[in-house]
């Protein structure tokens, strides 16, 4: 028993070391690439590099998990890989476009450090859900909370990227809805929903968030502000989907969620009007 425990701890240490290495590699390459990038980065180049980050993150996680993955693990790997890709897109399309002066290199370094930390947390979350496929572990509850935050940030980053790339509307809308559905479906499955209930709630959450996206799509000028609507909408919709119905008590959480939706829409209009 003691030998098995020691072996398990050693394997966990090796996994953590690999995940730290992978997250630092992601952050370091983003930092270097941003510093030496040319000013005429094309959309094709940005998307190609983003795809490279996605693939490297996906394969890197398989390596970090010592190739102990199942078919059911693949959505979790895609989940984290999309988050890393979304971080890269946000750095390139927001920070680099708006802040290009040399003296802001320190700010860039701090931002990239946060990116590395975020990637590592995402990798840890994926590891928790992957291990939970083999055996039940207490950290699964922590992973559920992390999944909530990671999916919300991913939706904000990816929505901002899609708006910034100025894709044709017939590409933008289906891609955005697909992203919303994927994150909603995976997160709801992470927190325990299954079968028909899972599919129904994923569709409902996706539709709510998609309507939030449409509400600001044609009125927004500042993409970083417009992307707040679907992100907050997702955060609220997931909270409502996971809410327990209790007819004996007044639900203050629901009121706060509704107020948050109204506030972000009003804020969006105000900031875009006076920008």
Protein backbone atom coordinates (compact mmCIF):
# COMPACT_ATOMS: atom_id res chain seq x y z
CA UNK A 1 0.00 0.00 0.00
CA UNK A 2 2.80 2.39 0.93
CA UNK A 3 4.63 1.54 -2.28
CA UNK A 4 1.52 2.29 -4.36
CA UNK A 5 1.04 5.62 -2.57
CA UNK A 6 4.66 6.60 -3.16
CA UNK A 7 4.39 5.64 -6.83
CA UNK A 8 1.21 7.66 -7.22
CA UNK A 9 2.85 10.73 -5.65
CA UNK A 10 5.84 10.36 -7.96
CA UNK A 11 3.58 10.16 -11.02
CA UNK A 12 1.66 13.24 -9.85
CA UNK A 13 4.92 15.15 -9.40
CA UNK A 14 6.07 14.19 -12.89
CA UNK A 15 2.72 15.29 -14.34
CA UNK A 16 2.86 18.63 -12.54
CA UNK A 17 6.39 19.20 -13.77
CA UNK A 18 5.36 18.53 -17.35
CA UNK A 19 2.31 20.79 -17.07
CA UNK A 20 4.42 23.60 -15.63
CA UNK A 21 6.92 23.15 -18.47
CA UNK A 22 4.14 23.24 -21.05
CA UNK A 23 2.48 26.34 -19.59
CA UNK A 24 5.80 28.21 -19.31
CA UNK A 25 6.58 27.24 -22.91
CA UNK A 26 3.24 28.66 -24.05
CA UNK A 27 3.79 31.94 -22.21
CA UNK A 28 7.44 32.31 -23.20
CA UNK A 29 6.82 31.74 -26.90
CA UNK A 30 3.94 34.23 -26.86
CA UNK A 31 6.20 36.80 -25.18
CA UNK A 32 9.05 36.34 -27.65
CA UNK A 33 6.78 36.25 -30.67
CA UNK A 34 4.99 39.43 -29.59
CA UNK A 35 8.27 41.30 -29.08
CA UNK A 36 9.72 40.36 -32.47
CA UNK A 37 6.50 40.32 -34.47
CA UNK A 38 6.18 42.36 -37.63
CA UNK A 39 3.65 45.20 -37.75
CA UNK A 40 1.86 43.74 -40.76
CA UNK A 41 0.64 40.51 -39.21
CA UNK A 42 -1.99 39.12 -41.56
CA UNK A 43 -5.19 37.45 -40.42
CA UNK A 44 -4.01 34.21 -42.00
CA UNK A 45 -0.77 34.28 -40.02
CA UNK A 46 -2.55 35.02 -36.75
CA UNK A 47 -5.04 32.18 -37.27
CA UNK A 48 -2.30 29.77 -38.36
CA UNK A 49 -0.23 30.53 -35.26
CA UNK A 50 -3.33 30.16 -33.09
CA UNK A 51 -3.93 26.73 -34.64
CA UNK A 52 -0.33 25.79 -33.83
CA UNK A 53 -0.85 26.73 -30.18
CA UNK A 54 -4.01 24.63 -30.14
CA UNK A 55 -2.26 21.56 -31.58
CA UNK A 56 0.83 21.90 -29.36
CA UNK A 57 -1.34 22.31 -26.25
CA UNK A 58 -3.47 19.31 -27.20
CA UNK A 59 -0.53 17.00 -27.90
CA UNK A 60 1.44 18.47 -25.00
CA UNK A 61 -1.30 17.53 -22.56
CA UNK A 62 -1.30 13.95 -23.83
CA UNK A 63 2.46 13.89 -23.19
CA UNK A 64 2.04 15.55 -19.76
CA UNK A 65 -0.51 12.90 -18.76
CA UNK A 66 2.00 10.16 -19.67
CA UNK A 67 -0.32 9.13 -22.54
CA UNK A 68 -2.88 7.92 -19.98
CA UNK A 69 -5.93 9.25 -21.77
CA UNK A 70 -9.21 7.78 -22.95
CA UNK A 71 -11.55 8.70 -25.78
CA UNK A 72 -13.69 10.42 -23.15
CA UNK A 73 -10.65 12.57 -22.28
CA UNK A 74 -10.53 14.22 -25.70
CA UNK A 75 -13.19 16.92 -24.99
CA UNK A 76 -11.24 17.96 -21.89
CA UNK A 77 -8.03 18.22 -23.91
CA UNK A 78 -9.80 20.31 -26.56
CA UNK A 79 -11.26 22.44 -23.73
CA UNK A 80 -7.83 23.45 -22.43
CA UNK A 81 -6.27 23.72 -25.89
CA UNK A 82 -9.01 26.15 -26.93
CA UNK A 83 -8.35 28.22 -23.82
CA UNK A 84 -4.63 28.53 -24.66
CA UNK A 85 -5.51 29.41 -28.25
CA UNK A 86 -7.98 32.04 -27.05
CA UNK A 87 -5.28 33.57 -24.83
CA UNK A 88 -2.95 33.89 -27.80
CA UNK A 89 -5.65 35.50 -29.95
CA UNK A 90 -6.50 37.98 -27.21
CA UNK A 91 -2.83 38.93 -26.75
CA UNK A 92 -2.33 39.45 -30.48
CA UNK A 93 -5.59 41.18 -31.33
CA UNK A 94 -6.02 43.32 -28.23
CA UNK A 95 -2.73 44.03 -26.54
CA UNK A 96 -0.48 44.19 -29.59
CA UNK A 97 -2.91 46.32 -31.60
CA UNK A 98 -3.52 48.83 -28.82
CA UNK A 99 -0.16 48.84 -27.03
CA UNK A 100 2.92 48.80 -29.23
CA UNK A 101 5.36 51.06 -27.39
CA UNK A 102 8.64 49.70 -26.09
CA UNK A 103 8.21 50.95 -22.52
CA UNK A 104 5.11 48.80 -22.17
CA UNK A 105 7.22 45.65 -22.45
CA UNK A 106 7.01 45.24 -18.67
CA UNK A 107 3.23 45.27 -18.84
CA UNK A 108 3.40 42.70 -21.61
CA UNK A 109 5.67 40.50 -19.46
CA UNK A 110 3.20 40.66 -16.56
CA UNK A 111 0.34 39.85 -18.91
CA UNK A 112 2.20 36.87 -20.36
CA UNK A 113 2.96 35.68 -16.82
CA UNK A 114 -0.77 35.71 -16.11
CA UNK A 115 -1.32 33.81 -19.36
CA UNK A 116 1.13 31.11 -18.22
CA UNK A 117 -0.58 30.85 -14.84
CA UNK A 118 -3.98 30.64 -16.52
CA UNK A 119 -2.75 27.91 -18.87
CA UNK A 120 -1.31 25.94 -15.94
CA UNK A 121 -4.58 26.18 -14.00
CA UNK A 122 -6.43 25.01 -17.10
CA UNK A 123 -4.05 22.06 -17.48
CA UNK A 124 -4.56 21.13 -13.82
CA UNK A 125 -8.32 21.22 -14.35
CA UNK A 126 -8.03 18.93 -17.36
CA UNK A 127 -5.82 16.56 -15.38
CA UNK A 128 -8.41 16.40 -12.59
CA UNK A 129 -11.21 15.47 -14.98
CA UNK A 130 -8.98 12.99 -16.81
CA UNK A 131 -7.95 11.22 -13.60
CA UNK A 132 -11.58 11.26 -12.45
CA UNK A 133 -12.38 9.02 -15.42
CA UNK A 134 -10.20 6.33 -13.84
CA UNK A 135 -11.08 6.88 -10.18
CA UNK A 136 -13.15 9.30 -8.10
CA UNK A 137 -11.05 12.04 -6.52
CA UNK A 138 -11.98 14.85 -4.08
CA UNK A 139 -10.45 17.53 -6.34
CA UNK A 140 -13.23 16.99 -8.88
CA UNK A 141 -15.31 19.68 -7.10
CA UNK A 142 -12.44 22.17 -7.40
CA UNK A 143 -12.20 21.27 -11.09
CA UNK A 144 -15.87 22.15 -11.57
CA UNK A 145 -15.36 25.67 -10.21
CA UNK A 146 -12.24 26.11 -12.33
CA UNK A 147 -14.15 24.91 -15.39
CA UNK A 148 -16.75 27.64 -14.78
CA UNK A 149 -14.11 30.38 -14.78
CA UNK A 150 -12.02 28.96 -17.65
CA UNK A 151 -15.03 28.52 -19.94
CA UNK A 152 -16.25 32.07 -19.22
CA UNK A 153 -12.83 33.56 -20.02
CA UNK A 154 -12.54 31.42 -23.16
CA UNK A 155 -15.87 32.68 -24.45
CA UNK A 156 -14.82 36.29 -23.83
CA UNK A 157 -11.42 35.86 -25.54
CA UNK A 158 -12.79 33.93 -28.52
CA UNK A 159 -15.75 36.26 -29.02
CA UNK A 160 -13.41 39.24 -28.95
CA UNK A 161 -11.14 37.51 -31.48
CA UNK A 162 -14.02 36.71 -33.84
CA UNK A 163 -15.25 40.31 -33.73
CA UNK A 164 -11.74 41.70 -34.22
CA UNK A 165 -11.10 39.48 -37.22
CA UNK A 166 -14.22 40.97 -38.84
CA UNK A 167 -15.35 37.70 -40.34
CA UNK A 168 -18.31 37.65 -42.74
CA UNK A 169 -21.59 37.32 -40.88
CA UNK A 170 -22.31 33.89 -42.39
CA UNK A 171 -19.06 32.62 -40.85
CA UNK A 172 -19.24 34.60 -37.62
CA UNK A 173 -22.68 33.48 -36.40
CA UNK A 174 -22.32 29.68 -36.78
CA UNK A 175 -18.76 29.71 -35.38
CA UNK A 176 -19.86 31.77 -32.37
CA UNK A 177 -22.84 29.50 -31.69
CA UNK A 178 -20.64 26.41 -32.03
CA UNK A 179 -18.18 27.82 -29.49
CA UNK A 180 -20.97 28.68 -27.06
CA UNK A 181 -22.56 25.24 -27.37
CA UNK A 182 -19.26 23.40 -26.96
CA UNK A 183 -18.23 25.20 -23.76
CA UNK A 184 -21.75 24.99 -22.32
CA UNK A 185 -22.00 21.27 -23.09
CA UNK A 186 -18.58 20.37 -21.68
CA UNK A 187 -18.95 22.47 -18.55
CA UNK A 188 -22.45 21.17 -17.79
CA UNK A 189 -21.14 17.64 -18.22
CA UNK A 190 -18.26 18.50 -15.89
CA UNK A 191 -20.67 19.49 -13.14
CA UNK A 192 -22.67 16.28 -13.43
CA UNK A 193 -25.48 16.67 -15.96
CA UNK A 194 -26.07 13.74 -18.29
CA UNK A 195 -28.30 12.47 -21.10
CA UNK A 196 -31.30 14.47 -22.27
CA UNK A 197 -31.06 16.98 -19.42
CA UNK A 198 -27.47 17.77 -20.44
CA UNK A 199 -28.40 18.30 -24.10
CA UNK A 200 -31.45 20.41 -23.25
CA UNK A 201 -29.60 22.66 -20.84
CA UNK A 202 -26.64 23.04 -23.22
CA UNK A 203 -28.95 24.19 -26.02
CA UNK A 204 -30.86 26.57 -23.74
CA UNK A 205 -27.68 28.11 -22.35
CA UNK A 206 -26.25 28.45 -25.87
CA UNK A 207 -29.39 30.17 -27.16
CA UNK A 208 -29.51 32.62 -24.23
CA UNK A 209 -25.87 33.57 -24.69
CA UNK A 210 -26.23 33.73 -28.47
CA UNK A 211 -29.09 36.22 -28.15
CA UNK A 212 -26.89 38.27 -25.81
CA UNK A 213 -24.26 38.22 -28.52
CA UNK A 214 -26.74 39.34 -31.19
CA UNK A 215 -28.01 42.12 -28.92
CA UNK A 216 -24.67 43.91 -29.10
CA UNK A 217 -23.29 42.62 -32.41
CA UNK A 218 -24.73 45.37 -34.60
CA UNK A 219 -24.50 48.19 -32.06
CA UNK A 220 -21.02 47.66 -30.68
CA UNK A 221 -17.93 49.56 -31.81
CA UNK A 222 -15.50 48.50 -29.11
CA UNK A 223 -15.00 44.75 -29.52
CA UNK A 224 -13.57 44.33 -26.02
CA UNK A 225 -16.84 45.78 -24.66
CA UNK A 226 -19.15 43.89 -27.02
CA UNK A 227 -17.51 40.59 -26.01
CA UNK A 228 -18.58 41.20 -22.41
CA UNK A 229 -22.25 40.53 -23.23
CA UNK A 230 -21.91 36.85 -24.23
CA UNK A 231 -19.31 36.25 -21.50
CA UNK A 232 -21.55 37.63 -18.75
CA UNK A 233 -24.57 35.99 -20.40
CA UNK A 234 -22.81 32.63 -20.27
CA UNK A 235 -21.79 33.13 -16.64
CA UNK A 236 -25.39 33.96 -15.71
CA UNK A 237 -27.00 31.25 -17.86
CA UNK A 238 -24.78 28.54 -16.38
CA UNK A 239 -25.55 29.82 -12.89
CA UNK A 240 -29.27 29.65 -13.57
CA UNK A 241 -28.99 26.21 -15.20
CA UNK A 242 -27.23 24.92 -12.09
CA UNK A 243 -29.66 26.60 -9.71
CA UNK A 244 -31.83 24.45 -7.47
CA UNK A 245 -35.52 25.29 -7.44
CA UNK A 246 -36.87 26.01 -3.96
CA UNK A 247 -40.44 27.32 -3.86
CA UNK A 248 -40.25 27.94 -0.11
CA UNK A 249 -37.55 30.63 -0.34
CA UNK A 250 -37.19 33.83 -2.34
CA UNK A 251 -34.35 33.38 -4.82
CA UNK A 252 -32.08 36.44 -4.52
CA UNK A 253 -29.49 34.84 -6.79
CA UNK A 254 -31.90 34.89 -9.73
CA UNK A 255 -32.56 38.61 -9.18
CA UNK A 256 -28.82 39.30 -9.10
CA UNK A 257 -28.31 37.33 -12.32
CA UNK A 258 -31.04 39.32 -14.09
CA UNK A 259 -29.57 42.61 -12.84
CA UNK A 260 -26.15 41.54 -14.11
CA UNK A 261 -27.57 40.90 -17.58
CA UNK A 262 -29.30 44.27 -17.67
CA UNK A 263 -26.21 46.04 -16.37
CA UNK A 264 -23.85 44.60 -18.98
CA UNK A 265 -26.22 45.48 -21.84
CA UNK A 266 -26.63 49.06 -20.57
CA UNK A 267 -22.87 49.38 -20.00
CA UNK A 268 -22.24 48.08 -23.49
CA UNK A 269 -24.47 50.69 -25.09
CA UNK A 270 -23.10 53.55 -22.98
CA UNK A 271 -19.44 52.75 -23.63
CA UNK A 272 -20.00 52.24 -27.34
CA UNK A 273 -22.04 55.45 -27.71
CA UNK A 274 -19.44 57.63 -25.97
CA UNK A 275 -16.37 55.91 -27.44
